Amino acid sequence: MSTSNELTAAQRSDLRTIAAMIVPASDEYKVPGADDPAIQADMLATLGRDTLLVRAALDRLARLAGKSLAELDAARRDEVAKEFRATGGAAAATLVRVVLQCYYRDDRVLRSLGIELRAPFPKGHVLPEGDWSLLDPVKERGGKLRRLP
């Protein structure tokens, strides 16, 4: 039995499987897939508040598959994933976000993107100048929040 912060062995196996489907390894760019052991360890170590939704997503995948997603052949896995994307809701979105955030903070992935391996602060990262007029509708709404006394 798992605690609220742990995934079962079947859920971990399905997490590896769906992560590899979301971000497969690339020989061309010399980067691992999201099923890489180091990336998976990061996911499991940092699930935190997302644990319940990730578990719900993995349970939904297993229900759609009729068994562990990892046990299916590639064609059936793709069918299940397609249905999951269409019906997974917030749990599916959370699962994808967790996979992507852990993948894109891996040093190997950052190096392949030409991003300096360092904390974003105190140096920060320069962003291109954007179109500030996009905020005009928000400014026009005025203060709708309750002010503190």
C-alpha atoms as a PDB file:
ATOM      1  CA  MET A   1       0.000   0.000   0.000  1.00  0.00           C
ATOM      2  CA  SER A   2       1.382   3.411  -0.915  1.00  0.00           C
ATOM      3  CA  THR A   3       1.249   6.545   1.160  1.00  0.00           C
ATOM      4  CA  SER A   4      -0.295   9.687  -0.276  1.00  0.00           C
ATOM      5  CA  ASN A   5       3.104  10.836  -1.599  1.00  0.00           C
ATOM      6  CA  GLU A   6       4.096   7.607  -3.323  1.00  0.00           C
ATOM      7  CA  LEU A   7       3.134   5.857  -6.518  1.00  0.00           C
ATOM      8  CA  THR A   8       2.637   2.114  -6.724  1.00  0.00           C
ATOM      9  CA  ALA A   9       5.030   0.026  -8.814  1.00  0.00           C
ATOM     10  CA  ALA A  10       2.386  -0.194 -11.576  1.00  0.00           C
ATOM     11  CA  GLN A  11       1.853   3.573 -11.506  1.00  0.00           C
ATOM     12  CA  ARG A  12       5.619   4.186 -11.719  1.00  0.00           C
ATOM     13  CA  SER A  13       5.816   1.820 -14.686  1.00  0.00           C
ATOM     14  CA  ASP A  14       2.937   3.612 -16.410  1.00  0.00           C
ATOM     15  CA  LEU A  15       4.521   6.988 -15.617  1.00  0.00           C
ATOM     16  CA  ARG A  16       7.715   5.872 -17.398  1.00  0.00           C
ATOM     17  CA  THR A  17       5.668   4.629 -20.347  1.00  0.00           C
ATOM     18  CA  ILE A  18       3.521   7.746 -20.786  1.00  0.00           C
ATOM     19  CA  ALA A  19       6.535  10.026 -20.185  1.00  0.00           C
ATOM     20  CA  ALA A  20       8.374   8.299 -23.062  1.00  0.00           C
ATOM     21  CA  MET A  21       5.320   8.863 -25.245  1.00  0.00           C
ATOM     22  CA  ILE A  22       5.167  12.560 -24.315  1.00  0.00           C
ATOM     23  CA  VAL A  23       8.906  13.185 -24.851  1.00  0.00           C
ATOM     24  CA  PRO A  24      10.758  10.379 -26.616  1.00  0.00           C
ATOM     25  CA  ALA A  25      14.550  10.212 -26.684  1.00  0.00           C
ATOM     26  CA  SER A  26      16.248  11.853 -29.660  1.00  0.00           C
ATOM     27  CA  ASP A  27      19.486  10.592 -31.187  1.00  0.00           C
ATOM     28  CA  GLU A  28      19.493  13.609 -33.486  1.00  0.00           C
ATOM     29  CA  TYR A  29      19.612  16.077 -30.572  1.00  0.00           C
ATOM     30  CA  LYS A  30      21.406  13.670 -28.233  1.00  0.00           C
ATOM     31  CA  VAL A  31      18.842  13.998 -25.448  1.00  0.00           C
ATOM     32  CA  PRO A  32      17.162  11.357 -23.317  1.00  0.00           C
ATOM     33  CA  GLY A  33      13.458  10.744 -23.294  1.00  0.00           C
ATOM     34  CA  ALA A  34      11.332  11.688 -20.321  1.00  0.00           C
ATOM     35  CA  ASP A  35      11.504   8.018 -19.284  1.00  0.00           C
ATOM     36  CA  ASP A  36      15.216   8.422 -18.464  1.00  0.00           C
ATOM     37  CA  PRO A  37      15.970   7.140 -14.921  1.00  0.00           C
ATOM     38  CA  ALA A  38      17.346  10.501 -13.719  1.00  0.00           C
ATOM     39  CA  ILE A  39      14.323  12.397 -15.046  1.00  0.00           C
ATOM     40  CA  GLN A  40      11.957   9.818 -13.571  1.00  0.00           C
ATOM     41  CA  ALA A  41      13.692  10.082 -10.195  1.00  0.00           C
ATOM     42  CA  ASP A  42      13.249  13.870 -10.324  1.00  0.00           C
ATOM     43  CA  MET A  43       9.530  13.434 -11.087  1.00  0.00           C
ATOM     44  CA  LEU A  44       8.999  11.062  -8.197  1.00  0.00           C
ATOM     45  CA  ALA A  45      11.014  13.212  -5.782  1.00  0.00           C
ATOM     46  CA  THR A  46       9.200  16.439  -6.636  1.00  0.00           C
ATOM     47  CA  LEU A  47       5.577  15.397  -7.167  1.00  0.00           C
ATOM     48  CA  GLY A  48       4.489  17.092  -3.954  1.00  0.00           C
ATOM     49  CA  ARG A  49       1.082  18.750  -4.294  1.00  0.00           C
ATOM     50  CA  ASP A  50       0.583  17.168  -7.735  1.00  0.00           C
ATOM     51  CA  THR A  51       0.686  13.612  -6.410  1.00  0.00           C
ATOM     52  CA  LEU A  52      -3.070  13.119  -6.149  1.00  0.00           C
ATOM     53  CA  LEU A  53      -3.805  14.381  -9.669  1.00  0.00           C
ATOM     54  CA  VAL A  54      -0.905  12.426 -11.162  1.00  0.00           C
ATOM     55  CA  ARG A  55      -2.122   9.278  -9.415  1.00  0.00           C
ATOM     56  CA  ALA A  56      -5.645   9.950 -10.718  1.00  0.00           C
ATOM     57  CA  ALA A  57      -4.274  10.390 -14.245  1.00  0.00           C
ATOM     58  CA  LEU A  58      -2.278   7.171 -14.062  1.00  0.00           C
ATOM     59  CA  ASP A  59      -5.282   5.285 -12.663  1.00  0.00           C
ATOM     60  CA  ARG A  60      -7.429   6.672 -15.511  1.00  0.00           C
ATOM     61  CA  LEU A  61      -4.852   5.506 -18.050  1.00  0.00           C
ATOM     62  CA  ALA A  62      -4.853   2.020 -16.531  1.00  0.00           C
ATOM     63  CA  ARG A  63      -8.664   1.906 -16.612  1.00  0.00           C
ATOM     64  CA  LEU A  64      -8.730   2.962 -20.272  1.00  0.00           C
ATOM     65  CA  ALA A  65      -6.048   0.390 -21.075  1.00  0.00           C
ATOM     66  CA  GLY A  66      -7.800  -2.374 -19.148  1.00  0.00           C
ATOM     67  CA  LYS A  67      -4.442  -3.151 -17.508  1.00  0.00           C
ATOM     68  CA  SER A  68      -1.119  -1.446 -17.025  1.00  0.00           C
ATOM     69  CA  LEU A  69      -0.348   0.908 -19.933  1.00  0.00           C
ATOM     70  CA  ALA A  70       3.196  -0.470 -19.971  1.00  0.00           C
ATOM     71  CA  GLU A  71       1.846  -3.926 -20.863  1.00  0.00           C
ATOM     72  CA  LEU A  72       0.158  -2.773 -24.087  1.00  0.00           C
ATOM     73  CA  ASP A  73       1.669  -2.894 -27.550  1.00  0.00           C
ATOM     74  CA  ALA A  74       2.570   0.448 -29.134  1.00  0.00           C
ATOM     75  CA  ALA A  75      -0.556   0.707 -31.318  1.00  0.00           C
ATOM     76  CA  ARG A  76      -2.936   0.082 -28.414  1.00  0.00           C
ATOM     77  CA  ARG A  77      -0.945   2.478 -26.199  1.00  0.00           C
ATOM     78  CA  ASP A  78      -1.432   5.201 -28.815  1.00  0.00           C
ATOM     79  CA  GLU A  79      -5.196   4.561 -28.890  1.00  0.00           C
ATOM     80  CA  VAL A  80      -5.399   4.784 -25.095  1.00  0.00           C
ATOM     81  CA  ALA A  81      -3.289   7.951 -25.044  1.00  0.00           C
ATOM     82  CA  LYS A  82      -5.543   9.576 -27.649  1.00  0.00           C
ATOM     83  CA  GLU A  83      -8.652   8.828 -25.591  1.00  0.00           C
ATOM     84  CA  PHE A  84      -6.877   9.969 -22.417  1.00  0.00           C
ATOM     85  CA  ARG A  85      -5.951  13.325 -24.008  1.00  0.00           C
ATOM     86  CA  ALA A  86      -9.590  13.851 -24.985  1.00  0.00           C
ATOM     87  CA  THR A  87     -11.097  12.890 -21.630  1.00  0.00           C
ATOM     88  CA  GLY A  88      -8.365  13.261 -18.998  1.00  0.00           C
ATOM     89  CA  GLY A  89      -9.190  16.791 -17.848  1.00  0.00           C
ATOM     90  CA  ALA A  90      -7.171  18.443 -15.073  1.00  0.00           C
ATOM     91  CA  ALA A  91      -5.462  15.201 -14.088  1.00  0.00           C
ATOM     92  CA  ALA A  92      -4.123  14.705 -17.618  1.00  0.00           C
ATOM     93  CA  ALA A  93      -2.972  18.327 -17.813  1.00  0.00           C
ATOM     94  CA  THR A  94      -1.179  17.970 -14.481  1.00  0.00           C
ATOM     95  CA  LEU A  95       0.531  14.755 -15.571  1.00  0.00           C
ATOM     96  CA  VAL A  96       1.795  16.373 -18.778  1.00  0.00           C
ATOM     97  CA  ARG A  97       2.979  19.475 -16.883  1.00  0.00           C
ATOM     98  CA  VAL A  98       4.904  17.346 -14.368  1.00  0.00           C
ATOM     99  CA  VAL A  99       6.594  15.374 -17.148  1.00  0.00           C
ATOM    100  CA  LEU A 100       7.536  18.518 -19.081  1.00  0.00           C
ATOM    101  CA  GLN A 101       8.770  20.523 -16.102  1.00  0.00           C
ATOM    102  CA  CYS A 102      11.058  17.712 -14.970  1.00  0.00           C
ATOM    103  CA  TYR A 103      12.263  17.032 -18.507  1.00  0.00           C
ATOM    104  CA  TYR A 104      13.131  20.647 -19.222  1.00  0.00           C
ATOM    105  CA  ARG A 105      15.135  21.109 -16.048  1.00  0.00           C
ATOM    106  CA  ASP A 106      17.446  18.188 -16.826  1.00  0.00           C
ATOM    107  CA  ASP A 107      21.009  19.419 -17.484  1.00  0.00           C
ATOM    108  CA  ARG A 108      21.368  17.348 -20.662  1.00  0.00           C
ATOM    109  CA  VAL A 109      18.210  18.849 -22.129  1.00  0.00           C
ATOM    110  CA  LEU A 110      19.188  22.405 -21.155  1.00  0.00           C
ATOM    111  CA  ARG A 111      22.630  21.918 -22.728  1.00  0.00           C
ATOM    112  CA  SER A 112      21.048  20.696 -25.966  1.00  0.00           C
ATOM    113  CA  LEU A 113      18.946  23.876 -26.046  1.00  0.00           C
ATOM    114  CA  GLY A 114      22.005  26.062 -25.494  1.00  0.00           C
ATOM    115  CA  ILE A 115      20.788  27.263 -22.098  1.00  0.00           C
ATOM    116  CA  GLU A 116      23.410  28.061 -19.498  1.00  0.00           C
ATOM    117  CA  LEU A 117      23.338  25.615 -16.587  1.00  0.00           C
ATOM    118  CA  ARG A 118      22.684  27.947 -13.677  1.00  0.00           C
ATOM    119  CA  ALA A 119      19.921  29.126 -11.449  1.00  0.00           C
ATOM    120  CA  PRO A 120      17.761  31.781 -13.123  1.00  0.00           C
ATOM    121  CA  PHE A 121      18.491  34.247 -10.326  1.00  0.00           C
ATOM    122  CA  PRO A 122      20.245  36.522  -9.448  1.00  0.00           C
ATOM    123  CA  LYS A 123      21.399  37.032 -13.060  1.00  0.00           C
ATOM    124  CA  GLY A 124      17.962  36.403 -14.549  1.00  0.00           C
ATOM    125  CA  HIS A 125      17.254  35.645 -18.194  1.00  0.00           C
ATOM    126  CA  VAL A 126      16.673  38.314 -20.822  1.00  0.00           C
ATOM    127  CA  LEU A 127      13.311  38.106 -22.528  1.00  0.00           C
ATOM    128  CA  PRO A 128      12.530  39.787 -25.829  1.00  0.00           C
ATOM    129  CA  GLU A 129      10.477  42.966 -25.582  1.00  0.00           C
ATOM    130  CA  GLY A 130       6.797  42.126 -25.863  1.00  0.00           C
ATOM    131  CA  ASP A 131       3.656  43.983 -26.828  1.00  0.00           C
ATOM    132  CA  TRP A 132       2.601  45.739 -23.613  1.00  0.00           C
ATOM    133  CA  SER A 133      -0.701  46.798 -25.190  1.00  0.00           C
ATOM    134  CA  LEU A 134      -1.898  43.235 -24.624  1.00  0.00           C
ATOM    135  CA  LEU A 135      -2.344  44.227 -20.959  1.00  0.00           C
ATOM    136  CA  ASP A 136      -4.654  47.172 -21.777  1.00  0.00           C
ATOM    137  CA  PRO A 137      -7.899  45.174 -21.297  1.00  0.00           C
ATOM    138  CA  VAL A 138      -6.702  44.115 -17.843  1.00  0.00           C
ATOM    139  CA  LYS A 139      -5.798  47.696 -16.925  1.00  0.00           C
ATOM    140  CA  GLU A 140      -9.182  48.950 -18.188  1.00  0.00           C
ATOM    141  CA  ARG A 141     -11.042  46.605 -15.837  1.00  0.00           C
ATOM    142  CA  GLY A 142      -9.680  48.586 -12.936  1.00  0.00           C
ATOM    143  CA  GLY A 143      -9.228  47.299  -9.426  1.00  0.00           C
ATOM    144  CA  LYS A 144     -11.687  44.468  -8.856  1.00  0.00           C
ATOM    145  CA  LEU A 145      -9.824  43.009  -5.923  1.00  0.00           C
ATOM    146  CA  ARG A 146     -10.814  43.740  -2.358  1.00  0.00           C
ATOM    147  CA  ARG A 147      -8.397  46.190  -0.790  1.00  0.00           C
ATOM    148  CA  LEU A 148      -6.941  45.444   2.624  1.00  0.00           C
ATOM    149  CA  PRO A 149      -7.720  48.032   5.335  1.00  0.00           C
END
